[in-house]
C-alpha atoms as a PDB file:
ATOM      1  CA  UNK A   1      -3.058 -23.201   9.754  1.00  0.00           C
ATOM      2  CA  UNK A   2      -2.221 -24.756   6.233  1.00  0.00           C
ATOM      3  CA  UNK A   3      -0.227 -23.474   3.213  1.00  0.00           C
ATOM      4  CA  UNK A   4      -1.054 -25.116  -0.083  1.00  0.00           C
ATOM      5  CA  UNK A   5       1.553 -25.470  -2.904  1.00  0.00           C
ATOM      6  CA  UNK A   6      -0.077 -25.840  -6.279  1.00  0.00           C
ATOM      7  CA  UNK A   7       2.019 -27.428  -9.108  1.00  0.00           C
ATOM      8  CA  UNK A   8       1.831 -29.578 -12.193  1.00  0.00           C
ATOM      9  CA  UNK A   9       2.615 -33.270 -11.796  1.00  0.00           C
ATOM     10  CA  UNK A  10       5.764 -33.133 -13.741  1.00  0.00           C
ATOM     11  CA  UNK A  11       7.363 -30.446 -11.395  1.00  0.00           C
ATOM     12  CA  UNK A  12       6.388 -32.145  -8.077  1.00  0.00           C
ATOM     13  CA  UNK A  13      10.064 -32.320  -6.824  1.00  0.00           C
ATOM     14  CA  UNK A  14      10.182 -28.510  -6.581  1.00  0.00           C
ATOM     15  CA  UNK A  15       7.067 -28.437  -4.355  1.00  0.00           C
ATOM     16  CA  UNK A  16       8.526 -31.305  -2.231  1.00  0.00           C
ATOM     17  CA  UNK A  17      11.627 -29.171  -1.481  1.00  0.00           C
ATOM     18  CA  UNK A  18       9.644 -26.051  -0.599  1.00  0.00           C
ATOM     19  CA  UNK A  19       7.337 -28.092   1.559  1.00  0.00           C
ATOM     20  CA  UNK A  20      10.258 -29.578   3.634  1.00  0.00           C
ATOM     21  CA  UNK A  21      11.887 -26.159   4.196  1.00  0.00           C
ATOM     22  CA  UNK A  22       8.613 -24.438   4.962  1.00  0.00           C
ATOM     23  CA  UNK A  23       7.548 -27.049   7.487  1.00  0.00           C
ATOM     24  CA  UNK A  24      10.995 -27.046   8.975  1.00  0.00           C
ATOM     25  CA  UNK A  25      10.923 -23.276   9.646  1.00  0.00           C
ATOM     26  CA  UNK A  26       7.287 -23.129  10.826  1.00  0.00           C
ATOM     27  CA  UNK A  27       7.002 -26.542  12.320  1.00  0.00           C
ATOM     28  CA  UNK A  28       4.608 -25.525  15.189  1.00  0.00           C
ATOM     29  CA  UNK A  29       2.560 -23.043  13.110  1.00  0.00           C
ATOM     30  CA  UNK A  30       1.468 -24.670   9.933  1.00  0.00           C
ATOM     31  CA  UNK A  31       1.058 -27.622   7.683  1.00  0.00           C
ATOM     32  CA  UNK A  32       2.094 -27.636   4.018  1.00  0.00           C
ATOM     33  CA  UNK A  33      -0.075 -29.476   1.404  1.00  0.00           C
ATOM     34  CA  UNK A  34       0.889 -30.210  -2.058  1.00  0.00           C
ATOM     35  CA  UNK A  35      -0.936 -31.460  -5.099  1.00  0.00           C
ATOM     36  CA  UNK A  36       0.956 -34.803  -4.601  1.00  0.00           C
ATOM     37  CA  UNK A  37      -0.110 -35.404  -1.004  1.00  0.00           C
ATOM     38  CA  UNK A  38      -2.078 -38.675  -1.103  1.00  0.00           C
ATOM     39  CA  UNK A  39      -4.110 -37.614   1.891  1.00  0.00           C
ATOM     40  CA  UNK A  40      -3.991 -33.912   1.115  1.00  0.00           C
ATOM     41  CA  UNK A  41      -6.274 -31.629  -0.672  1.00  0.00           C
ATOM     42  CA  UNK A  42      -6.452 -32.670  -4.370  1.00  0.00           C
ATOM     43  CA  UNK A  43      -6.419 -29.090  -5.549  1.00  0.00           C
ATOM     44  CA  UNK A  44      -7.164 -25.677  -3.884  1.00  0.00           C
ATOM     45  CA  UNK A  45     -10.174 -25.133  -6.122  1.00  0.00           C
ATOM     46  CA  UNK A  46     -11.533 -28.732  -5.630  1.00  0.00           C
ATOM     47  CA  UNK A  47     -11.059 -28.087  -1.838  1.00  0.00           C
ATOM     48  CA  UNK A  48     -13.303 -25.087  -1.907  1.00  0.00           C
ATOM     49  CA  UNK A  49     -16.116 -27.093  -3.661  1.00  0.00           C
ATOM     50  CA  UNK A  50     -15.719 -30.074  -1.488  1.00  0.00           C
ATOM     51  CA  UNK A  51     -15.338 -28.550   1.886  1.00  0.00           C
ATOM     52  CA  UNK A  52     -15.381 -24.743   2.503  1.00  0.00           C
ATOM     53  CA  UNK A  53     -14.219 -25.189   6.119  1.00  0.00           C
ATOM     54  CA  UNK A  54     -11.147 -27.030   5.120  1.00  0.00           C
ATOM     55  CA  UNK A  55     -10.421 -24.169   2.625  1.00  0.00           C
ATOM     56  CA  UNK A  56     -10.821 -21.563   5.331  1.00  0.00           C
ATOM     57  CA  UNK A  57      -7.813 -23.230   7.149  1.00  0.00           C
ATOM     58  CA  UNK A  58      -5.451 -22.311   4.161  1.00  0.00           C
ATOM     59  CA  UNK A  59      -3.542 -19.213   4.961  1.00  0.00           C
ATOM     60  CA  UNK A  60      -1.522 -19.024   1.708  1.00  0.00           C
ATOM     61  CA  UNK A  61      -1.545 -20.468  -1.735  1.00  0.00           C
ATOM     62  CA  UNK A  62       1.939 -20.756  -3.443  1.00  0.00           C
ATOM     63  CA  UNK A  63       1.518 -21.273  -7.204  1.00  0.00           C
ATOM     64  CA  UNK A  64       4.628 -22.873  -8.818  1.00  0.00           C
ATOM     65  CA  UNK A  65       4.834 -21.071 -12.229  1.00  0.00           C
ATOM     66  CA  UNK A  66       6.956 -22.299 -15.079  1.00  0.00           C
ATOM     67  CA  UNK A  67       6.342 -21.911 -18.798  1.00  0.00           C
ATOM     68  CA  UNK A  68       4.469 -25.163 -18.798  1.00  0.00           C
ATOM     69  CA  UNK A  69       2.373 -24.803 -15.692  1.00  0.00           C
ATOM     70  CA  UNK A  70       0.957 -21.414 -16.530  1.00  0.00           C
ATOM     71  CA  UNK A  71      -0.604 -22.885 -19.678  1.00  0.00           C
ATOM     72  CA  UNK A  72      -2.930 -24.985 -17.495  1.00  0.00           C
ATOM     73  CA  UNK A  73      -6.306 -23.331 -16.973  1.00  0.00           C
ATOM     74  CA  UNK A  74      -6.539 -24.876 -13.544  1.00  0.00           C
ATOM     75  CA  UNK A  75      -3.658 -22.565 -12.308  1.00  0.00           C
ATOM     76  CA  UNK A  76      -5.440 -19.244 -12.989  1.00  0.00           C
ATOM     77  CA  UNK A  77      -8.755 -20.772 -11.589  1.00  0.00           C
ATOM     78  CA  UNK A  78      -7.058 -21.767  -8.340  1.00  0.00           C
ATOM     79  CA  UNK A  79      -5.736 -18.327  -8.039  1.00  0.00           C
ATOM     80  CA  UNK A  80      -9.153 -16.807  -8.582  1.00  0.00           C
ATOM     81  CA  UNK A  81     -10.684 -19.127  -5.994  1.00  0.00           C
ATOM     82  CA  UNK A  82      -8.028 -18.071  -3.457  1.00  0.00           C
ATOM     83  CA  UNK A  83      -8.465 -14.469  -4.201  1.00  0.00           C
ATOM     84  CA  UNK A  84     -12.184 -14.614  -3.635  1.00  0.00           C
ATOM     85  CA  UNK A  85     -11.556 -16.002  -0.237  1.00  0.00           C
ATOM     86  CA  UNK A  86      -8.863 -13.302   0.515  1.00  0.00           C
ATOM     87  CA  UNK A  87      -6.141 -15.941   0.720  1.00  0.00           C
ATOM     88  CA  UNK A  88      -2.489 -14.882   0.206  1.00  0.00           C
ATOM     89  CA  UNK A  89      -1.417 -15.786  -3.200  1.00  0.00           C
ATOM     90  CA  UNK A  90       2.439 -16.223  -3.889  1.00  0.00           C
ATOM     91  CA  UNK A  91       3.374 -17.014  -7.564  1.00  0.00           C
ATOM     92  CA  UNK A  92       6.933 -18.548  -7.568  1.00  0.00           C
ATOM     93  CA  UNK A  93       8.606 -18.431 -10.971  1.00  0.00           C
ATOM     94  CA  UNK A  94      11.278 -20.618 -12.415  1.00  0.00           C
ATOM     95  CA  UNK A  95      12.466 -22.713 -15.530  1.00  0.00           C
ATOM     96  CA  UNK A  96      12.921 -19.425 -17.614  1.00  0.00           C
ATOM     97  CA  UNK A  97       9.716 -17.721 -16.374  1.00  0.00           C
ATOM     98  CA  UNK A  98      10.169 -14.504 -14.207  1.00  0.00           C
ATOM     99  CA  UNK A  99       7.622 -12.751 -12.145  1.00  0.00           C
ATOM    100  CA  UNK A 100       7.730  -9.914 -14.497  1.00  0.00           C
ATOM    101  CA  UNK A 101       6.568 -12.122 -17.371  1.00  0.00           C
ATOM    102  CA  UNK A 102       3.537 -13.636 -15.640  1.00  0.00           C
ATOM    103  CA  UNK A 103       0.236 -13.323 -17.717  1.00  0.00           C
ATOM    104  CA  UNK A 104      -2.903 -11.863 -16.344  1.00  0.00           C
ATOM    105  CA  UNK A 105      -4.478 -12.519 -13.906  1.00  0.00           C
ATOM    106  CA  UNK A 106      -1.429 -14.004 -12.193  1.00  0.00           C
ATOM    107  CA  UNK A 107       0.606 -10.769 -12.775  1.00  0.00           C
ATOM    108  CA  UNK A 108      -1.561  -8.915 -10.209  1.00  0.00           C
ATOM    109  CA  UNK A 109       0.020 -10.988  -7.302  1.00  0.00           C
ATOM    110  CA  UNK A 110       3.448 -10.138  -6.180  1.00  0.00           C
ATOM    111  CA  UNK A 111       5.674 -12.998  -7.249  1.00  0.00           C
ATOM    112  CA  UNK A 112       9.206 -14.320  -6.435  1.00  0.00           C
ATOM    113  CA  UNK A 113      11.779 -15.748  -8.767  1.00  0.00           C
ATOM    114  CA  UNK A 114      13.044 -19.128  -7.485  1.00  0.00           C
ATOM    115  CA  UNK A 115      16.605 -18.442  -8.788  1.00  0.00           C
ATOM    116  CA  UNK A 116      17.082 -15.230  -7.034  1.00  0.00           C
ATOM    117  CA  UNK A 117      19.709 -15.431  -4.171  1.00  0.00           C
ATOM    118  CA  UNK A 118      17.333 -13.712  -1.684  1.00  0.00           C
ATOM    119  CA  UNK A 119      14.337 -15.889  -2.682  1.00  0.00           C
ATOM    120  CA  UNK A 120      14.335 -17.902   0.591  1.00  0.00           C
ATOM    121  CA  UNK A 121      14.482 -14.823   2.742  1.00  0.00           C
ATOM    122  CA  UNK A 122      11.607 -13.169   0.813  1.00  0.00           C
ATOM    123  CA  UNK A 123       9.380 -16.251   0.977  1.00  0.00           C
ATOM    124  CA  UNK A 124       9.793 -16.857   4.666  1.00  0.00           C
ATOM    125  CA  UNK A 125       9.303 -13.245   5.729  1.00  0.00           C
ATOM    126  CA  UNK A 126       6.202 -13.089   3.692  1.00  0.00           C
ATOM    127  CA  UNK A 127       4.851 -16.262   5.225  1.00  0.00           C
ATOM    128  CA  UNK A 128       5.894 -15.302   8.700  1.00  0.00           C
ATOM    129  CA  UNK A 129       3.984 -12.048   8.398  1.00  0.00           C
ATOM    130  CA  UNK A 130       0.816 -13.925   7.143  1.00  0.00           C
ATOM    131  CA  UNK A 131       1.195 -16.643  10.069  1.00  0.00           C
ATOM    132  CA  UNK A 132       1.753 -13.833  12.676  1.00  0.00           C
ATOM    133  CA  UNK A 133       5.246 -14.844  13.448  1.00  0.00           C
ATOM    134  CA  UNK A 134       7.566 -11.979  14.599  1.00  0.00           C
ATOM    135  CA  UNK A 135      10.935 -13.832  14.540  1.00  0.00           C
ATOM    136  CA  UNK A 136      12.190 -16.598  12.104  1.00  0.00           C
ATOM    137  CA  UNK A 137      14.181 -19.434  13.343  1.00  0.00           C
ATOM    138  CA  UNK A 138      17.860 -19.918  11.864  1.00  0.00           C
ATOM    139  CA  UNK A 139      17.332 -21.193   8.404  1.00  0.00           C
ATOM    140  CA  UNK A 140      20.182 -22.626   6.177  1.00  0.00           C
ATOM    141  CA  UNK A 141      19.279 -20.584   3.061  1.00  0.00           C
ATOM    142  CA  UNK A 142      22.472 -21.717   1.119  1.00  0.00           C
ATOM    143  CA  UNK A 143      21.727 -25.331   1.626  1.00  0.00           C
ATOM    144  CA  UNK A 144      17.990 -24.437   0.602  1.00  0.00           C
ATOM    145  CA  UNK A 145      19.169 -22.922  -2.640  1.00  0.00           C
ATOM    146  CA  UNK A 146      21.420 -25.921  -3.391  1.00  0.00           C
ATOM    147  CA  UNK A 147      18.494 -28.370  -3.041  1.00  0.00           C
ATOM    148  CA  UNK A 148      16.249 -26.235  -5.142  1.00  0.00           C
ATOM    149  CA  UNK A 149      18.877 -26.030  -7.803  1.00  0.00           C
ATOM    150  CA  UNK A 150      19.416 -29.761  -7.804  1.00  0.00           C
ATOM    151  CA  UNK A 151      15.699 -30.417  -8.517  1.00  0.00           C
ATOM    152  CA  UNK A 152      15.650 -27.671 -11.250  1.00  0.00           C
ATOM    153  CA  UNK A 153      18.606 -29.213 -12.910  1.00  0.00           C
ATOM    154  CA  UNK A 154      16.802 -32.580 -13.015  1.00  0.00           C
ATOM    155  CA  UNK A 155      13.854 -31.249 -14.767  1.00  0.00           C
ATOM    156  CA  UNK A 156      14.272 -31.772 -18.571  1.00  0.00           C
ATOM    157  CA  UNK A 157      13.454 -28.779 -20.757  1.00  0.00           C
ATOM    158  CA  UNK A 158       9.808 -28.858 -21.872  1.00  0.00           C
ATOM    159  CA  UNK A 159       9.161 -31.745 -19.645  1.00  0.00           C
ATOM    160  CA  UNK A 160       5.345 -31.516 -19.637  1.00  0.00           C
ATOM    161  CA  UNK A 161       5.007 -30.418 -23.322  1.00  0.00           C
ATOM    162  CA  UNK A 162       7.099 -33.437 -24.469  1.00  0.00           C
ATOM    163  CA  UNK A 163       4.241 -35.679 -23.174  1.00  0.00           C
ATOM    164  CA  UNK A 164       0.704 -35.971 -24.488  1.00  0.00           C
ATOM    165  CA  UNK A 165      -1.369 -32.907 -23.502  1.00  0.00           C
ATOM    166  CA  UNK A 166      -4.620 -33.530 -21.621  1.00  0.00           C
ATOM    167  CA  UNK A 167      -6.550 -32.412 -24.580  1.00  0.00           C
ATOM    168  CA  UNK A 168      -5.104 -35.137 -26.789  1.00  0.00           C
ATOM    169  CA  UNK A 169      -6.024 -37.855 -24.580  1.00  0.00           C
ATOM    170  CA  UNK A 170      -9.177 -39.848 -25.440  1.00  0.00           C
ATOM    171  CA  UNK A 171     -12.335 -39.251 -23.128  1.00  0.00           C
ATOM    172  CA  UNK A 172     -14.061 -42.139 -21.410  1.00  0.00           C
ATOM    173  CA  UNK A 173     -17.775 -42.755 -21.391  1.00  0.00           C
ATOM    174  CA  UNK A 174     -18.377 -40.853 -18.217  1.00  0.00           C
ATOM    175  CA  UNK A 175     -16.656 -37.763 -19.516  1.00  0.00           C
ATOM    176  CA  UNK A 176     -19.011 -37.718 -22.454  1.00  0.00           C
ATOM    177  CA  UNK A 177     -22.004 -38.237 -20.216  1.00  0.00           C
ATOM    178  CA  UNK A 178     -20.907 -35.172 -18.241  1.00  0.00           C
ATOM    179  CA  UNK A 179     -20.574 -33.141 -21.355  1.00  0.00           C
ATOM    180  CA  UNK A 180     -24.024 -34.357 -22.328  1.00  0.00           C
ATOM    181  CA  UNK A 181     -25.570 -33.171 -19.175  1.00  0.00           C
ATOM    182  CA  UNK A 182     -23.904 -29.807 -19.432  1.00  0.00           C
ATOM    183  CA  UNK A 183     -24.958 -29.091 -23.080  1.00  0.00           C
ATOM    184  CA  UNK A 184     -28.419 -27.999 -22.315  1.00  0.00           C
ATOM    185  CA  UNK A 185     -28.032 -25.686 -19.300  1.00  0.00           C
ATOM    186  CA  UNK A 186     -26.005 -22.821 -17.738  1.00  0.00           C
ATOM    187  CA  UNK A 187     -23.756 -25.159 -15.668  1.00  0.00           C
ATOM    188  CA  UNK A 188     -23.952 -27.232 -12.532  1.00  0.00           C
ATOM    189  CA  UNK A 189     -21.973 -27.455  -9.333  1.00  0.00           C
ATOM    190  CA  UNK A 190     -20.078 -30.644  -8.638  1.00  0.00           C
ATOM    191  CA  UNK A 191     -22.528 -31.549  -5.953  1.00  0.00           C
ATOM    192  CA  UNK A 192     -25.318 -31.480  -8.450  1.00  0.00           C
ATOM    193  CA  UNK A 193     -23.535 -33.415 -11.059  1.00  0.00           C
ATOM    194  CA  UNK A 194     -22.547 -36.023  -8.380  1.00  0.00           C
ATOM    195  CA  UNK A 195     -25.987 -36.353  -7.428  1.00  0.00           C
ATOM    196  CA  UNK A 196     -27.128 -36.787 -11.069  1.00  0.00           C
ATOM    197  CA  UNK A 197     -24.630 -39.707 -11.647  1.00  0.00           C
ATOM    198  CA  UNK A 198     -25.111 -41.159  -8.324  1.00  0.00           C
ATOM    199  CA  UNK A 199     -21.494 -40.703  -7.398  1.00  0.00           C
ATOM    200  CA  UNK A 200     -19.690 -39.409  -4.252  1.00  0.00           C
ATOM    201  CA  UNK A 201     -18.691 -35.736  -4.869  1.00  0.00           C
ATOM    202  CA  UNK A 202     -14.991 -36.526  -4.331  1.00  0.00           C
ATOM    203  CA  UNK A 203     -15.174 -38.869  -7.286  1.00  0.00           C
ATOM    204  CA  UNK A 204     -16.819 -36.433  -9.603  1.00  0.00           C
ATOM    205  CA  UNK A 205     -14.127 -33.642  -9.125  1.00  0.00           C
ATOM    206  CA  UNK A 206     -11.168 -35.622 -10.830  1.00  0.00           C
ATOM    207  CA  UNK A 207     -13.441 -36.120 -13.797  1.00  0.00           C
ATOM    208  CA  UNK A 208     -14.259 -32.472 -13.976  1.00  0.00           C
ATOM    209  CA  UNK A 209     -10.548 -31.548 -13.503  1.00  0.00           C
ATOM    210  CA  UNK A 210      -9.674 -33.759 -16.697  1.00  0.00           C
ATOM    211  CA  UNK A 211     -12.338 -31.964 -18.693  1.00  0.00           C
ATOM    212  CA  UNK A 212     -11.005 -28.618 -17.545  1.00  0.00           C
ATOM    213  CA  UNK A 213      -7.426 -29.428 -18.255  1.00  0.00           C
ATOM    214  CA  UNK A 214      -8.529 -30.510 -21.777  1.00  0.00           C
ATOM    215  CA  UNK A 215     -10.492 -27.364 -22.292  1.00  0.00           C
ATOM    216  CA  UNK A 216     -13.895 -29.276 -22.735  1.00  0.00           C
ATOM    217  CA  UNK A 217     -15.292 -27.515 -19.650  1.00  0.00           C
ATOM    218  CA  UNK A 218     -14.629 -24.279 -17.880  1.00  0.00           C
ATOM    219  CA  UNK A 219     -15.294 -23.368 -14.287  1.00  0.00           C
ATOM    220  CA  UNK A 220     -16.657 -20.036 -12.786  1.00  0.00           C
ATOM    221  CA  UNK A 221     -17.438 -18.829  -9.383  1.00  0.00           C
ATOM    222  CA  UNK A 222     -21.237 -19.308  -8.592  1.00  0.00           C
ATOM    223  CA  UNK A 223     -21.487 -17.331  -5.336  1.00  0.00           C
ATOM    224  CA  UNK A 224     -21.364 -18.356  -1.791  1.00  0.00           C
ATOM    225  CA  UNK A 225     -18.097 -20.001  -2.335  1.00  0.00           C
ATOM    226  CA  UNK A 226     -19.425 -22.542  -4.895  1.00  0.00           C
ATOM    227  CA  UNK A 227     -18.058 -23.424  -8.393  1.00  0.00           C
ATOM    228  CA  UNK A 228     -20.174 -23.824 -11.555  1.00  0.00           C
ATOM    229  CA  UNK A 229     -18.970 -26.063 -14.239  1.00  0.00           C
ATOM    230  CA  UNK A 230     -19.923 -25.126 -17.952  1.00  0.00           C
ATOM    231  CA  UNK A 231     -19.544 -26.680 -21.407  1.00  0.00           C
ATOM    232  CA  UNK A 232     -16.724 -24.884 -23.297  1.00  0.00           C
ATOM    233  CA  UNK A 233     -16.529 -24.546 -27.065  1.00  0.00           C
ATOM    234  CA  UNK A 234     -14.202 -27.427 -27.497  1.00  0.00           C
ATOM    235  CA  UNK A 235     -16.662 -29.580 -25.453  1.00  0.00           C
ATOM    236  CA  UNK A 236     -19.591 -28.605 -27.817  1.00  0.00           C
ATOM    237  CA  UNK A 237     -17.357 -29.377 -30.808  1.00  0.00           C
ATOM    238  CA  UNK A 238     -16.535 -32.691 -29.410  1.00  0.00           C
ATOM    239  CA  UNK A 239     -20.053 -33.633 -28.813  1.00  0.00           C
ATOM    240  CA  UNK A 240     -20.910 -32.520 -32.417  1.00  0.00           C
ATOM    241  CA  UNK A 241     -18.129 -34.623 -33.781  1.00  0.00           C
ATOM    242  CA  UNK A 242     -19.396 -37.545 -31.714  1.00  0.00           C
ATOM    243  CA  UNK A 243     -22.863 -37.090 -33.099  1.00  0.00           C
ATOM    244  CA  UNK A 244     -24.103 -36.342 -29.644  1.00  0.00           C
ATOM    245  CA  UNK A 245     -25.287 -32.727 -30.253  1.00  0.00           C
END
């Protein structure tokens, strides 16, 4: 069984601490993947599109929710994909954001506050129930809280907002070509787009993620576990400004 931790790049250290403690507690029962695993699944939603069988192995999706990460459209979309597959979704809030402040649709999922004293107990009891484990091993919750606090203290305020947002970065030619293909239809799956550009599907997915992060493209469930990618208003405006629409 697998547990996936979804996070933004700037806050990867939080994910790595949770990965360490979860794997330590459930060593013989699960594998923990994060967005920064070089050999892991690049994102929960991309996994669904790339390999449905791999996605079926995921028992829980832990969403690391900070004021910066919840602004990313990919966060809510990953939650939606997991919800469609009836995967346990656990928002974990920190950096000034509490579970009670989560926006819709994330607010419908029971969340935990990372800075709460009993966070570790709540998280592990929830995961144990999902994994079918009746008794937890001895866990050093105090040490876990200390390590979590250390990485939180190391994250500068507004770390991701201080850097250039994805939408401000210039698009490459291949991004423009994808927008051009999407402008005259009701959307394509990544498999169709990959075939159109004669690329492997795993190579088209990061390009689509870049366009989604920049709000040029939006994704929606297409039935049977597939994902359809559509041109967003910003994408149309960009094509018009470039003289391509």
